[in-house]
Every structure is written in structure tokens, then in C-alpha cells.
Amino acid sequence: MITVDCKDIDALKSPLAIYTSDQVGAMPALKLHEFVLAPITDEYIDPSNVIQAIKSFLTSLSIEKHFAVIQKKNTITIIPIDDYKLEAKPSGPTDQFFSCVHCGHVTQFEAVHNNHMKIHYL
């Protein structure tokens, strides 16, 4: 599993997780300021492929020159190089979802997610 720290680009966390997971063939699980990529099968996720996908995503938005992508073991961090600020997230309903790393079950409700996770450990 690879963790991608997105605290400096929090507004782009969800679309970045979707794009990256599609590029490397992994299942994303969103957290507060990061997302985790878990392999769909028993295959290894190459961190260099994840870094390349992140850089490609930033390039598609023409903001690649404002951010650096750094790897430390199984954690990849996206840090700002200059004072560039992304637009703030609108305050309103969030698009936060809970995703099961085992089977991909997705829900908006944490209680439902926690109950679902229990079935994998029976």
C-alpha cells in the first residue's frame, strides 16, 4: 500500500486519487488529508508509477511547476515549491466517501462503513 499525502493540495485530493488509481491499477481509500492506494490483486504497486501519474495530473492542470512530488518509503508527499495557492474548497456538502480496501464497497456514512468492515474479519 502506498500513502499519498495531499494536505497542501486538499482541494484536488479526490480527483487526484481517482486519476492516480486509474493510471496504476489500484484501489483508492480517501482519508482526511491523504489517500491510500491498495493493489487490486496481489501485484506490487510501483511508487515510481504513482509519482509519474501524480506529475501527469499536475501537468494536465498546468500547476506542475508549483509543486514537488517526494517519496519517502511508502509515502509520497506533494509539497508546494512557491507561494502558489489553490482555490479554497467551497464550504457546503462534501463529497467524502468511505471505501473498503478489501472489496471496494463505497458509502458516504462512516457507521455503515465500519459495520461493513467487520464482515471481513469474521
N, C-alpha and C. Protein backbone atom coordinates (compact mmCIF):
# COMPACT_ATOMS: atom_id res chain seq x y z
N MET A 1 0.84 -1.18 0.00
CA MET A 1 0.00 0.00 0.00
C MET A 1 0.88 1.24 0.00
N ILE A 2 0.42 2.23 -0.72
CA ILE A 2 1.15 3.49 -0.83
C ILE A 2 0.24 4.61 -0.35
N THR A 3 0.78 5.47 0.51
CA THR A 3 0.05 6.62 1.02
C THR A 3 0.49 7.86 0.27
N VAL A 4 -0.47 8.67 -0.18
CA VAL A 4 -0.18 9.92 -0.87
C VAL A 4 -0.70 11.06 0.01
N ASP A 5 0.22 11.87 0.52
CA ASP A 5 -0.11 12.99 1.41
C ASP A 5 -0.48 14.19 0.55
N CYS A 6 -1.73 14.67 0.71
CA CYS A 6 -2.26 15.75 -0.12
C CYS A 6 -2.63 16.99 0.68
N LYS A 7 -2.04 17.17 1.86
CA LYS A 7 -2.51 18.26 2.71
C LYS A 7 -2.31 19.64 2.08
N ASP A 8 -1.34 19.79 1.19
CA ASP A 8 -1.12 21.08 0.55
C ASP A 8 -1.94 21.27 -0.73
N ILE A 9 -2.58 20.22 -1.21
CA ILE A 9 -3.48 20.33 -2.37
C ILE A 9 -4.80 19.62 -2.05
N ASP A 10 -5.31 19.88 -0.87
CA ASP A 10 -6.50 19.19 -0.38
C ASP A 10 -7.70 19.33 -1.32
N ALA A 11 -7.80 20.46 -2.01
CA ALA A 11 -8.93 20.67 -2.91
C ALA A 11 -8.90 19.72 -4.10
N LEU A 12 -7.73 19.15 -4.41
CA LEU A 12 -7.59 18.24 -5.55
C LEU A 12 -7.48 16.79 -5.13
N LYS A 13 -7.65 16.49 -3.86
CA LYS A 13 -7.43 15.13 -3.36
C LYS A 13 -8.30 14.09 -4.06
N SER A 14 -9.59 14.32 -4.14
CA SER A 14 -10.50 13.33 -4.74
C SER A 14 -10.20 13.08 -6.22
N PRO A 15 -10.12 14.13 -7.05
CA PRO A 15 -9.82 13.84 -8.46
C PRO A 15 -8.43 13.25 -8.66
N LEU A 16 -7.46 13.66 -7.82
CA LEU A 16 -6.12 13.09 -7.92
C LEU A 16 -6.13 11.61 -7.56
N ALA A 17 -6.88 11.24 -6.54
CA ALA A 17 -6.97 9.83 -6.14
C ALA A 17 -7.58 8.99 -7.25
N ILE A 18 -8.61 9.49 -7.89
CA ILE A 18 -9.26 8.75 -8.97
C ILE A 18 -8.32 8.61 -10.17
N TYR A 19 -7.69 9.70 -10.56
CA TYR A 19 -6.78 9.67 -11.71
C TYR A 19 -5.61 8.73 -11.45
N THR A 20 -4.99 8.87 -10.28
CA THR A 20 -3.82 8.05 -9.94
C THR A 20 -4.17 6.57 -9.88
N SER A 21 -5.28 6.26 -9.24
CA SER A 21 -5.67 4.85 -9.12
C SER A 21 -5.97 4.24 -10.49
N ASP A 22 -6.56 5.02 -11.40
CA ASP A 22 -6.81 4.53 -12.76
C ASP A 22 -5.50 4.27 -13.50
N GLN A 23 -4.53 5.14 -13.31
CA GLN A 23 -3.25 5.03 -14.01
C GLN A 23 -2.41 3.84 -13.55
N VAL A 24 -2.44 3.56 -12.23
CA VAL A 24 -1.57 2.49 -11.71
C VAL A 24 -2.33 1.20 -11.44
N GLY A 25 -3.63 1.19 -11.61
CA GLY A 25 -4.42 -0.02 -11.39
C GLY A 25 -4.51 -0.39 -9.93
N ALA A 26 -4.94 0.57 -9.11
CA ALA A 26 -5.06 0.35 -7.67
C ALA A 26 -6.40 0.86 -7.19
N MET A 27 -6.74 0.52 -5.96
CA MET A 27 -7.99 0.96 -5.35
C MET A 27 -7.68 2.06 -4.34
N PRO A 28 -8.29 3.25 -4.50
CA PRO A 28 -8.01 4.33 -3.55
C PRO A 28 -8.93 4.29 -2.34
N ALA A 29 -8.40 4.71 -1.21
CA ALA A 29 -9.19 4.90 0.01
C ALA A 29 -8.88 6.30 0.51
N LEU A 30 -9.90 7.16 0.54
CA LEU A 30 -9.70 8.55 0.94
C LEU A 30 -9.64 8.67 2.45
N LYS A 31 -8.72 9.51 2.91
CA LYS A 31 -8.61 9.87 4.32
C LYS A 31 -8.75 11.38 4.41
N LEU A 32 -8.48 11.96 5.59
CA LEU A 32 -8.71 13.39 5.79
C LEU A 32 -7.85 14.24 4.86
N HIS A 33 -6.53 14.08 4.89
CA HIS A 33 -5.64 14.88 4.05
C HIS A 33 -4.74 14.00 3.18
N GLU A 34 -5.16 12.78 2.94
CA GLU A 34 -4.35 11.86 2.16
C GLU A 34 -5.24 10.78 1.57
N PHE A 35 -4.66 9.99 0.70
CA PHE A 35 -5.36 8.80 0.23
C PHE A 35 -4.35 7.66 0.15
N VAL A 36 -4.89 6.45 0.23
CA VAL A 36 -4.08 5.25 0.22
C VAL A 36 -4.43 4.45 -1.03
N LEU A 37 -3.41 3.95 -1.69
CA LEU A 37 -3.60 3.11 -2.86
C LEU A 37 -3.29 1.67 -2.49
N ALA A 38 -4.27 0.81 -2.63
CA ALA A 38 -4.09 -0.61 -2.34
C ALA A 38 -4.17 -1.39 -3.64
N PRO A 39 -3.34 -2.41 -3.80
CA PRO A 39 -3.39 -3.19 -5.05
C PRO A 39 -4.70 -3.95 -5.17
N ILE A 40 -5.20 -4.05 -6.38
CA ILE A 40 -6.44 -4.78 -6.61
C ILE A 40 -6.18 -6.28 -6.52
N THR A 41 -5.07 -6.71 -7.06
CA THR A 41 -4.65 -8.10 -6.94
C THR A 41 -3.43 -8.14 -6.03
N ASP A 42 -2.72 -9.22 -6.02
CA ASP A 42 -1.53 -9.33 -5.17
C ASP A 42 -0.30 -8.70 -5.80
N GLU A 43 -0.49 -7.94 -6.86
CA GLU A 43 0.63 -7.30 -7.54
C GLU A 43 1.16 -6.13 -6.72
N TYR A 44 2.43 -5.83 -6.95
CA TYR A 44 3.12 -4.73 -6.28
C TYR A 44 2.82 -3.42 -7.01
N ILE A 45 2.56 -2.35 -6.25
CA ILE A 45 2.36 -1.04 -6.85
C ILE A 45 3.71 -0.34 -6.84
N ASP A 46 4.20 0.00 -8.01
CA ASP A 46 5.49 0.66 -8.14
C ASP A 46 5.34 2.14 -7.79
N PRO A 47 6.03 2.63 -6.75
CA PRO A 47 5.92 4.04 -6.37
C PRO A 47 6.32 5.00 -7.49
N SER A 48 7.25 4.61 -8.35
CA SER A 48 7.65 5.49 -9.45
C SER A 48 6.49 5.70 -10.43
N ASN A 49 5.64 4.68 -10.61
CA ASN A 49 4.46 4.84 -11.46
C ASN A 49 3.45 5.79 -10.82
N VAL A 50 3.33 5.73 -9.49
CA VAL A 50 2.42 6.63 -8.79
C VAL A 50 2.92 8.07 -8.92
N ILE A 51 4.22 8.27 -8.73
CA ILE A 51 4.81 9.62 -8.86
C ILE A 51 4.59 10.15 -10.27
N GLN A 52 4.79 9.31 -11.27
CA GLN A 52 4.59 9.73 -12.66
C GLN A 52 3.14 10.11 -12.91
N ALA A 53 2.20 9.35 -12.34
CA ALA A 53 0.77 9.66 -12.51
C ALA A 53 0.42 10.99 -11.84
N ILE A 54 0.98 11.23 -10.65
CA ILE A 54 0.72 12.50 -9.95
C ILE A 54 1.27 13.67 -10.76
N LYS A 55 2.48 13.52 -11.26
CA LYS A 55 3.08 14.59 -12.07
C LYS A 55 2.28 14.83 -13.34
N SER A 56 1.77 13.78 -13.93
CA SER A 56 0.94 13.91 -15.13
C SER A 56 -0.35 14.66 -14.81
N PHE A 57 -0.95 14.36 -13.65
CA PHE A 57 -2.17 15.05 -13.23
C PHE A 57 -1.90 16.53 -13.03
N LEU A 58 -0.81 16.85 -12.34
CA LEU A 58 -0.46 18.26 -12.09
C LEU A 58 -0.17 18.98 -13.41
N THR A 59 0.47 18.30 -14.35
CA THR A 59 0.76 18.88 -15.65
C THR A 59 -0.53 19.17 -16.42
N SER A 60 -1.51 18.29 -16.30
CA SER A 60 -2.78 18.50 -17.01
C SER A 60 -3.50 19.74 -16.51
N LEU A 61 -3.21 20.15 -15.28
CA LEU A 61 -3.81 21.36 -14.72
C LEU A 61 -2.89 22.58 -14.85
N SER A 62 -1.72 22.37 -15.45
CA SER A 62 -0.70 23.42 -15.63
C SER A 62 -0.22 24.02 -14.31
N ILE A 63 -0.10 23.17 -13.29
CA ILE A 63 0.41 23.64 -11.99
C ILE A 63 1.62 22.83 -11.54
N GLU A 64 2.22 22.07 -12.46
CA GLU A 64 3.33 21.19 -12.10
C GLU A 64 4.55 21.96 -11.60
N LYS A 65 4.74 23.19 -12.07
CA LYS A 65 5.93 23.95 -11.67
C LYS A 65 5.81 24.50 -10.24
N HIS A 66 4.63 24.42 -9.65
CA HIS A 66 4.42 24.94 -8.30
C HIS A 66 4.56 23.88 -7.21
N PHE A 67 4.68 22.61 -7.60
CA PHE A 67 4.70 21.53 -6.61
C PHE A 67 5.82 20.53 -6.89
N ALA A 68 6.32 19.95 -5.81
CA ALA A 68 7.30 18.87 -5.91
C ALA A 68 6.66 17.60 -5.36
N VAL A 69 7.01 16.47 -5.95
CA VAL A 69 6.48 15.18 -5.51
C VAL A 69 7.66 14.39 -4.96
N ILE A 70 7.60 14.09 -3.65
CA ILE A 70 8.72 13.47 -2.95
C ILE A 70 8.28 12.15 -2.35
N GLN A 71 9.14 11.14 -2.50
CA GLN A 71 8.86 9.81 -1.94
C GLN A 71 9.77 9.54 -0.76
N LYS A 72 9.18 9.00 0.31
CA LYS A 72 9.93 8.51 1.46
C LYS A 72 9.31 7.17 1.84
N LYS A 73 9.98 6.09 1.49
CA LYS A 73 9.50 4.72 1.67
C LYS A 73 8.17 4.56 0.95
N ASN A 74 7.08 4.23 1.65
CA ASN A 74 5.78 4.02 1.01
C ASN A 74 4.86 5.23 1.13
N THR A 75 5.44 6.41 1.40
CA THR A 75 4.65 7.63 1.49
C THR A 75 5.14 8.61 0.43
N ILE A 76 4.22 9.12 -0.34
CA ILE A 76 4.52 10.13 -1.36
C ILE A 76 3.86 11.42 -0.92
N THR A 77 4.65 12.49 -0.87
CA THR A 77 4.15 13.78 -0.41
C THR A 77 4.22 14.79 -1.54
N ILE A 78 3.18 15.59 -1.65
CA ILE A 78 3.13 16.67 -2.63
C ILE A 78 3.29 17.97 -1.86
N ILE A 79 4.39 18.67 -2.11
CA ILE A 79 4.67 19.89 -1.35
C ILE A 79 4.78 21.08 -2.30
N PRO A 80 4.36 22.26 -1.83
CA PRO A 80 4.47 23.46 -2.67
C PRO A 80 5.92 23.95 -2.72
N ILE A 81 6.33 24.43 -3.88
CA ILE A 81 7.67 24.98 -4.05
C ILE A 81 7.66 26.48 -3.81
N ASP A 82 6.59 27.14 -4.20
CA ASP A 82 6.49 28.59 -4.05
C ASP A 82 5.22 28.94 -3.28
N ASP A 83 4.79 30.17 -3.36
CA ASP A 83 3.62 30.63 -2.61
C ASP A 83 2.31 30.44 -3.37
N TYR A 84 2.29 29.55 -4.35
CA TYR A 84 1.08 29.31 -5.14
C TYR A 84 -0.01 28.73 -4.24
N LYS A 85 -1.20 29.28 -4.33
CA LYS A 85 -2.35 28.81 -3.54
C LYS A 85 -3.44 28.31 -4.47
N LEU A 86 -3.93 27.14 -4.16
CA LEU A 86 -5.09 26.63 -4.89
C LEU A 86 -6.33 27.34 -4.38
N GLU A 87 -7.36 27.37 -5.20
CA GLU A 87 -8.62 27.96 -4.76
C GLU A 87 -9.17 27.16 -3.59
N ALA A 88 -9.74 27.86 -2.63
CA ALA A 88 -10.28 27.20 -1.44
C ALA A 88 -11.50 26.36 -1.80
N LYS A 89 -11.67 25.27 -1.07
CA LYS A 89 -12.84 24.42 -1.27
C LYS A 89 -14.09 25.16 -0.82
N PRO A 90 -15.16 25.07 -1.56
CA PRO A 90 -16.39 25.71 -1.11
C PRO A 90 -16.91 25.03 0.14
N SER A 91 -17.42 25.86 1.05
CA SER A 91 -17.98 25.27 2.27
C SER A 91 -19.43 24.87 2.00
N GLY A 92 -19.70 23.64 2.13
CA GLY A 92 -21.01 23.10 1.83
C GLY A 92 -20.94 21.60 1.95
N PRO A 93 -21.84 20.90 1.31
CA PRO A 93 -21.80 19.45 1.38
C PRO A 93 -20.48 18.92 0.79
N THR A 94 -19.92 17.95 1.46
CA THR A 94 -18.66 17.38 1.00
C THR A 94 -18.93 16.14 0.16
N ASP A 95 -17.94 15.76 -0.61
CA ASP A 95 -18.06 14.55 -1.41
C ASP A 95 -17.21 13.44 -0.80
N GLN A 96 -17.16 13.41 0.53
CA GLN A 96 -16.36 12.42 1.22
C GLN A 96 -17.07 11.07 1.20
N PHE A 97 -16.33 10.06 0.80
CA PHE A 97 -16.84 8.70 0.77
C PHE A 97 -15.89 7.80 1.53
N PHE A 98 -16.41 6.73 2.07
CA PHE A 98 -15.60 5.71 2.73
C PHE A 98 -15.58 4.50 1.81
N SER A 99 -14.37 4.01 1.54
CA SER A 99 -14.21 2.91 0.60
C SER A 99 -13.52 1.75 1.29
N CYS A 100 -14.05 0.55 1.08
CA CYS A 100 -13.47 -0.66 1.65
C CYS A 100 -12.24 -1.05 0.85
N VAL A 101 -11.11 -1.22 1.53
CA VAL A 101 -9.88 -1.60 0.84
C VAL A 101 -9.89 -3.06 0.42
N HIS A 102 -10.82 -3.85 0.95
CA HIS A 102 -10.87 -5.27 0.64
C HIS A 102 -11.70 -5.57 -0.60
N CYS A 103 -12.87 -4.92 -0.71
CA CYS A 103 -13.78 -5.28 -1.81
C CYS A 103 -14.26 -4.08 -2.63
N GLY A 104 -13.97 -2.87 -2.19
CA GLY A 104 -14.38 -1.69 -2.94
C GLY A 104 -15.73 -1.12 -2.60
N HIS A 105 -16.42 -1.66 -1.59
CA HIS A 105 -17.72 -1.14 -1.17
C HIS A 105 -17.55 0.34 -0.80
N VAL A 106 -18.44 1.21 -1.30
CA VAL A 106 -18.34 2.64 -1.06
C VAL A 106 -19.62 3.15 -0.40
N THR A 107 -19.46 4.01 0.61
CA THR A 107 -20.60 4.62 1.28
C THR A 107 -20.22 6.01 1.76
N GLN A 108 -21.22 6.87 1.95
CA GLN A 108 -20.99 8.21 2.49
C GLN A 108 -20.99 8.20 4.01
N PHE A 109 -21.42 7.12 4.61
CA PHE A 109 -21.64 7.09 6.05
C PHE A 109 -20.57 6.26 6.75
N GLU A 110 -19.92 6.86 7.73
CA GLU A 110 -18.83 6.18 8.44
C GLU A 110 -19.34 4.98 9.22
N ALA A 111 -20.51 5.10 9.83
CA ALA A 111 -21.06 3.99 10.61
C ALA A 111 -21.34 2.77 9.72
N VAL A 112 -21.88 3.00 8.54
CA VAL A 112 -22.14 1.91 7.60
C VAL A 112 -20.82 1.29 7.16
N HIS A 113 -19.82 2.13 6.92
CA HIS A 113 -18.51 1.63 6.52
C HIS A 113 -17.89 0.77 7.62
N ASN A 114 -17.96 1.23 8.86
CA ASN A 114 -17.39 0.47 9.98
C ASN A 114 -18.08 -0.88 10.14
N ASN A 115 -19.40 -0.90 10.00
CA ASN A 115 -20.12 -2.17 10.08
C ASN A 115 -19.75 -3.09 8.92
N HIS A 116 -19.59 -2.52 7.74
CA HIS A 116 -19.19 -3.32 6.58
C HIS A 116 -17.82 -3.94 6.79
N MET A 117 -16.88 -3.18 7.34
CA MET A 117 -15.52 -3.67 7.54
C MET A 117 -15.50 -4.87 8.48
N LYS A 118 -16.44 -4.93 9.39
CA LYS A 118 -16.48 -6.04 10.35
C LYS A 118 -16.69 -7.39 9.65
N ILE A 119 -17.41 -7.39 8.52
CA ILE A 119 -17.68 -8.68 7.86
C ILE A 119 -16.41 -9.31 7.30
N HIS A 120 -15.40 -8.50 7.05
CA HIS A 120 -14.16 -9.04 6.51
C HIS A 120 -13.30 -9.70 7.58
N TYR A 121 -13.64 -9.48 8.84
CA TYR A 121 -12.82 -10.02 9.93
C TYR A 121 -13.55 -11.05 10.77
N LEU A 122 -14.65 -11.57 10.25
CA LEU A 122 -15.39 -12.61 10.98
C LEU A 122 -14.70 -13.94 10.87
